[in-house]
Amino acid sequence: MSRSRRHRRHDRLLIPVERVAAYLTMTTVQLTLPDDLAKKASEAGLLSAEAIQEMLREQLLRRAGESLQAIRRRMPNEELTPEIEQEIVEAVQAYRAERRARRVG
């Protein structure tokens, strides 16, 4: 079985080159949590780097969506210009593309 040139072996996993490049620079974050919460989160597998990354990405996308909804609620329907509508469409498309990429990757 041959490997695509777009993939490289890393930690015994095949990872697309584009995804490896995204992780070349990393930031270390230290959390202070109540012991009981830390224990429960650890037992649930929520303190792994991958789980925290996923939670942060989901929250960023959720907040972006909420921001768009708040903007939309403040604007009367008759003032929705084609430019603003296009911005909303592009934001929704970006959100959907991110979700698809996470499901595939």
N, C-alpha and C. Protein backbone atom coordinates (compact mmCIF):
# COMPACT_ATOMS: atom_id res chain seq x y z
N MET A 1 0.84 -1.18 0.00
CA MET A 1 0.00 0.00 0.00
C MET A 1 0.89 1.24 0.00
N SER A 2 0.73 2.11 -0.95
CA SER A 2 1.56 3.30 -1.04
C SER A 2 0.89 4.47 -0.32
N ARG A 3 1.73 5.34 0.19
CA ARG A 3 1.23 6.51 0.89
C ARG A 3 1.22 7.71 -0.05
N SER A 4 0.26 8.56 0.14
CA SER A 4 0.20 9.80 -0.62
C SER A 4 1.38 10.68 -0.23
N ARG A 5 1.84 11.50 -1.15
CA ARG A 5 2.92 12.43 -0.83
C ARG A 5 2.47 13.51 0.15
N ARG A 6 1.17 13.67 0.27
CA ARG A 6 0.65 14.69 1.20
C ARG A 6 0.72 14.23 2.64
N HIS A 7 1.05 12.98 2.90
CA HIS A 7 1.07 12.46 4.26
C HIS A 7 2.49 12.09 4.66
N ARG A 8 2.79 12.29 5.93
CA ARG A 8 4.07 11.88 6.48
C ARG A 8 3.81 11.08 7.74
N ARG A 9 4.68 10.15 8.03
CA ARG A 9 4.54 9.35 9.23
C ARG A 9 4.99 10.21 10.42
N HIS A 10 4.14 10.30 11.43
CA HIS A 10 4.44 11.08 12.63
C HIS A 10 3.79 10.38 13.81
N ASP A 11 4.60 9.93 14.76
CA ASP A 11 4.06 9.26 15.94
C ASP A 11 3.19 8.06 15.57
N ARG A 12 3.61 7.32 14.59
CA ARG A 12 2.92 6.11 14.13
C ARG A 12 1.53 6.38 13.56
N LEU A 13 1.24 7.61 13.22
CA LEU A 13 -0.03 7.97 12.61
C LEU A 13 0.22 8.66 11.29
N LEU A 14 -0.66 8.47 10.35
CA LEU A 14 -0.57 9.22 9.10
C LEU A 14 -1.34 10.52 9.28
N ILE A 15 -0.65 11.62 9.15
CA ILE A 15 -1.25 12.93 9.36
C ILE A 15 -1.02 13.76 8.10
N PRO A 16 -2.07 14.40 7.57
CA PRO A 16 -1.87 15.27 6.40
C PRO A 16 -0.83 16.35 6.70
N VAL A 17 0.01 16.64 5.74
CA VAL A 17 1.07 17.64 5.91
C VAL A 17 0.50 18.97 6.38
N GLU A 18 -0.67 19.36 5.85
CA GLU A 18 -1.26 20.64 6.25
C GLU A 18 -1.55 20.68 7.75
N ARG A 19 -1.96 19.56 8.31
CA ARG A 19 -2.27 19.51 9.74
C ARG A 19 -1.00 19.52 10.57
N VAL A 20 0.07 18.88 10.09
CA VAL A 20 1.34 18.89 10.82
C VAL A 20 1.85 20.32 10.91
N ALA A 21 1.76 21.06 9.81
CA ALA A 21 2.24 22.45 9.80
C ALA A 21 1.50 23.30 10.81
N ALA A 22 0.23 23.02 11.04
CA ALA A 22 -0.55 23.80 11.99
C ALA A 22 -0.07 23.60 13.42
N TYR A 23 0.64 22.51 13.69
CA TYR A 23 1.08 22.21 15.05
C TYR A 23 2.57 22.46 15.26
N LEU A 24 3.23 23.10 14.33
CA LEU A 24 4.65 23.35 14.49
C LEU A 24 4.94 24.31 15.62
N THR A 25 4.06 25.24 15.87
CA THR A 25 4.22 26.13 17.01
C THR A 25 3.09 25.84 17.99
N MET A 26 3.44 25.69 19.25
CA MET A 26 2.46 25.35 20.27
C MET A 26 2.63 26.27 21.46
N THR A 27 1.55 26.46 22.20
CA THR A 27 1.57 27.22 23.43
C THR A 27 1.18 26.28 24.56
N THR A 28 1.89 26.37 25.66
CA THR A 28 1.57 25.57 26.83
C THR A 28 0.64 26.37 27.73
N VAL A 29 -0.43 25.73 28.16
CA VAL A 29 -1.41 26.38 29.03
C VAL A 29 -1.50 25.58 30.32
N GLN A 30 -1.46 26.26 31.43
CA GLN A 30 -1.58 25.60 32.73
C GLN A 30 -2.92 26.00 33.34
N LEU A 31 -3.68 25.01 33.79
CA LEU A 31 -5.00 25.26 34.37
C LEU A 31 -4.98 24.99 35.86
N THR A 32 -5.72 25.77 36.60
CA THR A 32 -5.92 25.52 38.02
C THR A 32 -7.40 25.19 38.18
N LEU A 33 -7.68 23.96 38.61
CA LEU A 33 -9.05 23.48 38.74
C LEU A 33 -9.28 22.92 40.13
N PRO A 34 -10.51 22.96 40.61
CA PRO A 34 -10.81 22.27 41.87
C PRO A 34 -10.51 20.78 41.70
N ASP A 35 -10.02 20.14 42.75
CA ASP A 35 -9.61 18.74 42.66
C ASP A 35 -10.71 17.83 42.14
N ASP A 36 -11.93 17.99 42.63
CA ASP A 36 -13.01 17.10 42.20
C ASP A 36 -13.31 17.27 40.71
N LEU A 37 -13.29 18.51 40.23
CA LEU A 37 -13.53 18.76 38.81
C LEU A 37 -12.40 18.17 37.97
N ALA A 38 -11.16 18.37 38.41
CA ALA A 38 -10.01 17.85 37.67
C ALA A 38 -10.07 16.33 37.61
N LYS A 39 -10.44 15.69 38.69
CA LYS A 39 -10.52 14.22 38.72
C LYS A 39 -11.60 13.73 37.75
N LYS A 40 -12.78 14.33 37.81
CA LYS A 40 -13.87 13.92 36.93
C LYS A 40 -13.52 14.16 35.46
N ALA A 41 -12.94 15.32 35.19
CA ALA A 41 -12.56 15.64 33.81
C ALA A 41 -11.48 14.69 33.30
N SER A 42 -10.53 14.37 34.15
CA SER A 42 -9.47 13.44 33.76
C SER A 42 -10.04 12.05 33.49
N GLU A 43 -10.91 11.58 34.37
CA GLU A 43 -11.53 10.26 34.19
C GLU A 43 -12.37 10.21 32.90
N ALA A 44 -12.93 11.35 32.52
CA ALA A 44 -13.74 11.41 31.30
C ALA A 44 -12.89 11.65 30.05
N GLY A 45 -11.57 11.78 30.23
CA GLY A 45 -10.68 12.01 29.09
C GLY A 45 -10.72 13.43 28.56
N LEU A 46 -11.19 14.36 29.37
CA LEU A 46 -11.34 15.74 28.91
C LEU A 46 -10.11 16.61 29.14
N LEU A 47 -9.08 16.09 29.78
CA LEU A 47 -7.89 16.90 30.02
C LEU A 47 -6.75 16.59 29.05
N SER A 48 -7.01 15.76 28.07
CA SER A 48 -5.97 15.50 27.06
C SER A 48 -5.85 16.74 26.17
N ALA A 49 -4.71 16.89 25.58
CA ALA A 49 -4.49 18.04 24.69
C ALA A 49 -5.50 18.03 23.54
N GLU A 50 -5.77 16.85 23.01
CA GLU A 50 -6.71 16.75 21.89
C GLU A 50 -8.12 17.15 22.32
N ALA A 51 -8.55 16.69 23.50
CA ALA A 51 -9.89 17.02 23.98
C ALA A 51 -10.04 18.51 24.24
N ILE A 52 -9.02 19.10 24.83
CA ILE A 52 -9.08 20.54 25.12
C ILE A 52 -9.07 21.34 23.83
N GLN A 53 -8.26 20.93 22.86
CA GLN A 53 -8.25 21.61 21.57
C GLN A 53 -9.63 21.55 20.93
N GLU A 54 -10.25 20.39 20.95
CA GLU A 54 -11.58 20.24 20.37
C GLU A 54 -12.60 21.13 21.07
N MET A 55 -12.55 21.15 22.41
CA MET A 55 -13.49 21.99 23.16
C MET A 55 -13.29 23.48 22.84
N LEU A 56 -12.03 23.90 22.75
CA LEU A 56 -11.75 25.30 22.44
C LEU A 56 -12.23 25.66 21.04
N ARG A 57 -11.99 24.77 20.07
CA ARG A 57 -12.46 25.04 18.71
C ARG A 57 -13.98 25.13 18.65
N GLU A 58 -14.65 24.21 19.34
CA GLU A 58 -16.11 24.24 19.37
C GLU A 58 -16.63 25.53 19.99
N GLN A 59 -16.02 25.97 21.07
CA GLN A 59 -16.45 27.19 21.73
C GLN A 59 -16.22 28.42 20.84
N LEU A 60 -15.08 28.45 20.16
CA LEU A 60 -14.81 29.58 19.26
C LEU A 60 -15.84 29.65 18.14
N LEU A 61 -16.17 28.49 17.57
CA LEU A 61 -17.18 28.46 16.51
C LEU A 61 -18.56 28.83 17.05
N ARG A 62 -18.89 28.33 18.24
CA ARG A 62 -20.19 28.64 18.84
C ARG A 62 -20.32 30.14 19.09
N ARG A 63 -19.26 30.72 19.64
CA ARG A 63 -19.31 32.16 19.93
C ARG A 63 -19.37 33.00 18.66
N ALA A 64 -18.69 32.55 17.62
CA ALA A 64 -18.77 33.28 16.35
C ALA A 64 -20.20 33.22 15.82
N GLY A 65 -20.83 32.06 15.92
CA GLY A 65 -22.22 31.92 15.50
C GLY A 65 -23.16 32.78 16.32
N GLU A 66 -22.94 32.82 17.63
CA GLU A 66 -23.76 33.65 18.50
C GLU A 66 -23.60 35.13 18.16
N SER A 67 -22.37 35.52 17.84
CA SER A 67 -22.12 36.91 17.46
C SER A 67 -22.89 37.27 16.20
N LEU A 68 -22.87 36.38 15.22
CA LEU A 68 -23.62 36.63 13.98
C LEU A 68 -25.12 36.72 14.27
N GLN A 69 -25.61 35.84 15.11
CA GLN A 69 -27.03 35.87 15.45
C GLN A 69 -27.40 37.17 16.16
N ALA A 70 -26.52 37.64 17.05
CA ALA A 70 -26.78 38.90 17.75
C ALA A 70 -26.83 40.07 16.78
N ILE A 71 -25.92 40.08 15.82
CA ILE A 71 -25.92 41.13 14.80
C ILE A 71 -27.22 41.08 14.02
N ARG A 72 -27.61 39.89 13.64
CA ARG A 72 -28.84 39.72 12.84
C ARG A 72 -30.07 40.17 13.62
N ARG A 73 -30.14 39.87 14.91
CA ARG A 73 -31.29 40.26 15.73
C ARG A 73 -31.41 41.78 15.86
N ARG A 74 -30.27 42.46 15.87
CA ARG A 74 -30.28 43.93 16.02
C ARG A 74 -30.70 44.64 14.74
N MET A 75 -30.64 43.97 13.63
CA MET A 75 -30.94 44.62 12.36
C MET A 75 -32.36 44.30 11.91
N PRO A 76 -33.12 45.32 11.62
CA PRO A 76 -34.45 45.08 11.04
C PRO A 76 -34.30 44.42 9.67
N ASN A 77 -35.26 43.61 9.29
CA ASN A 77 -35.19 42.90 8.02
C ASN A 77 -35.02 43.82 6.83
N GLU A 78 -35.70 44.97 6.85
CA GLU A 78 -35.63 45.85 5.68
C GLU A 78 -34.27 46.51 5.52
N GLU A 79 -33.41 46.46 6.58
CA GLU A 79 -32.09 47.08 6.48
C GLU A 79 -30.98 46.07 6.17
N LEU A 80 -31.34 44.85 5.88
CA LEU A 80 -30.36 43.84 5.55
C LEU A 80 -29.88 44.07 4.12
N THR A 81 -28.71 44.67 4.01
CA THR A 81 -28.15 45.00 2.70
C THR A 81 -27.54 43.75 2.07
N PRO A 82 -27.37 43.76 0.75
CA PRO A 82 -26.73 42.62 0.09
C PRO A 82 -25.31 42.35 0.63
N GLU A 83 -24.59 43.41 1.00
CA GLU A 83 -23.24 43.24 1.53
C GLU A 83 -23.25 42.51 2.86
N ILE A 84 -24.17 42.91 3.74
CA ILE A 84 -24.27 42.26 5.05
C ILE A 84 -24.74 40.83 4.88
N GLU A 85 -25.69 40.63 4.01
CA GLU A 85 -26.17 39.27 3.75
C GLU A 85 -25.02 38.39 3.25
N GLN A 86 -24.18 38.93 2.37
CA GLN A 86 -23.03 38.18 1.85
C GLN A 86 -22.06 37.85 2.98
N GLU A 87 -21.83 38.78 3.90
CA GLU A 87 -20.96 38.51 5.04
C GLU A 87 -21.49 37.36 5.87
N ILE A 88 -22.78 37.34 6.09
CA ILE A 88 -23.41 36.27 6.87
C ILE A 88 -23.26 34.94 6.14
N VAL A 89 -23.51 34.94 4.84
CA VAL A 89 -23.36 33.72 4.04
C VAL A 89 -21.93 33.20 4.12
N GLU A 90 -20.95 34.09 3.99
CA GLU A 90 -19.55 33.69 4.04
C GLU A 90 -19.18 33.14 5.41
N ALA A 91 -19.69 33.75 6.47
CA ALA A 91 -19.40 33.26 7.82
C ALA A 91 -20.00 31.87 8.04
N VAL A 92 -21.20 31.67 7.55
CA VAL A 92 -21.84 30.35 7.67
C VAL A 92 -21.05 29.32 6.86
N GLN A 93 -20.62 29.68 5.67
CA GLN A 93 -19.84 28.75 4.84
C GLN A 93 -18.52 28.41 5.51
N ALA A 94 -17.86 29.39 6.12
CA ALA A 94 -16.60 29.14 6.83
C ALA A 94 -16.82 28.20 8.01
N TYR A 95 -17.90 28.43 8.74
CA TYR A 95 -18.24 27.57 9.87
C TYR A 95 -18.47 26.13 9.40
N ARG A 96 -19.25 25.98 8.34
CA ARG A 96 -19.53 24.64 7.82
C ARG A 96 -18.27 23.96 7.30
N ALA A 97 -17.38 24.71 6.66
CA ALA A 97 -16.13 24.15 6.15
C ALA A 97 -15.27 23.67 7.31
N GLU A 98 -15.21 24.44 8.38
CA GLU A 98 -14.44 24.06 9.56
C GLU A 98 -15.00 22.77 10.17
N ARG A 99 -16.31 22.67 10.26
CA ARG A 99 -16.94 21.47 10.82
C ARG A 99 -16.64 20.25 9.94
N ARG A 100 -16.71 20.43 8.61
CA ARG A 100 -16.41 19.32 7.70
C ARG A 100 -14.95 18.89 7.84
N ALA A 101 -14.06 19.86 7.92
CA ALA A 101 -12.63 19.57 8.04
C ALA A 101 -12.33 18.80 9.33
N ARG A 102 -13.01 19.15 10.41
CA ARG A 102 -12.79 18.46 11.67
C ARG A 102 -13.33 17.04 11.61
N ARG A 103 -14.44 16.82 10.91
CA ARG A 103 -14.99 15.47 10.79
C ARG A 103 -14.08 14.59 9.95
N VAL A 104 -13.50 15.15 8.89
CA VAL A 104 -12.62 14.40 7.99
C VAL A 104 -11.28 14.15 8.66
N GLY A 105 -10.74 15.19 9.30
CA GLY A 105 -9.41 15.13 9.91
C GLY A 105 -9.42 14.45 11.19
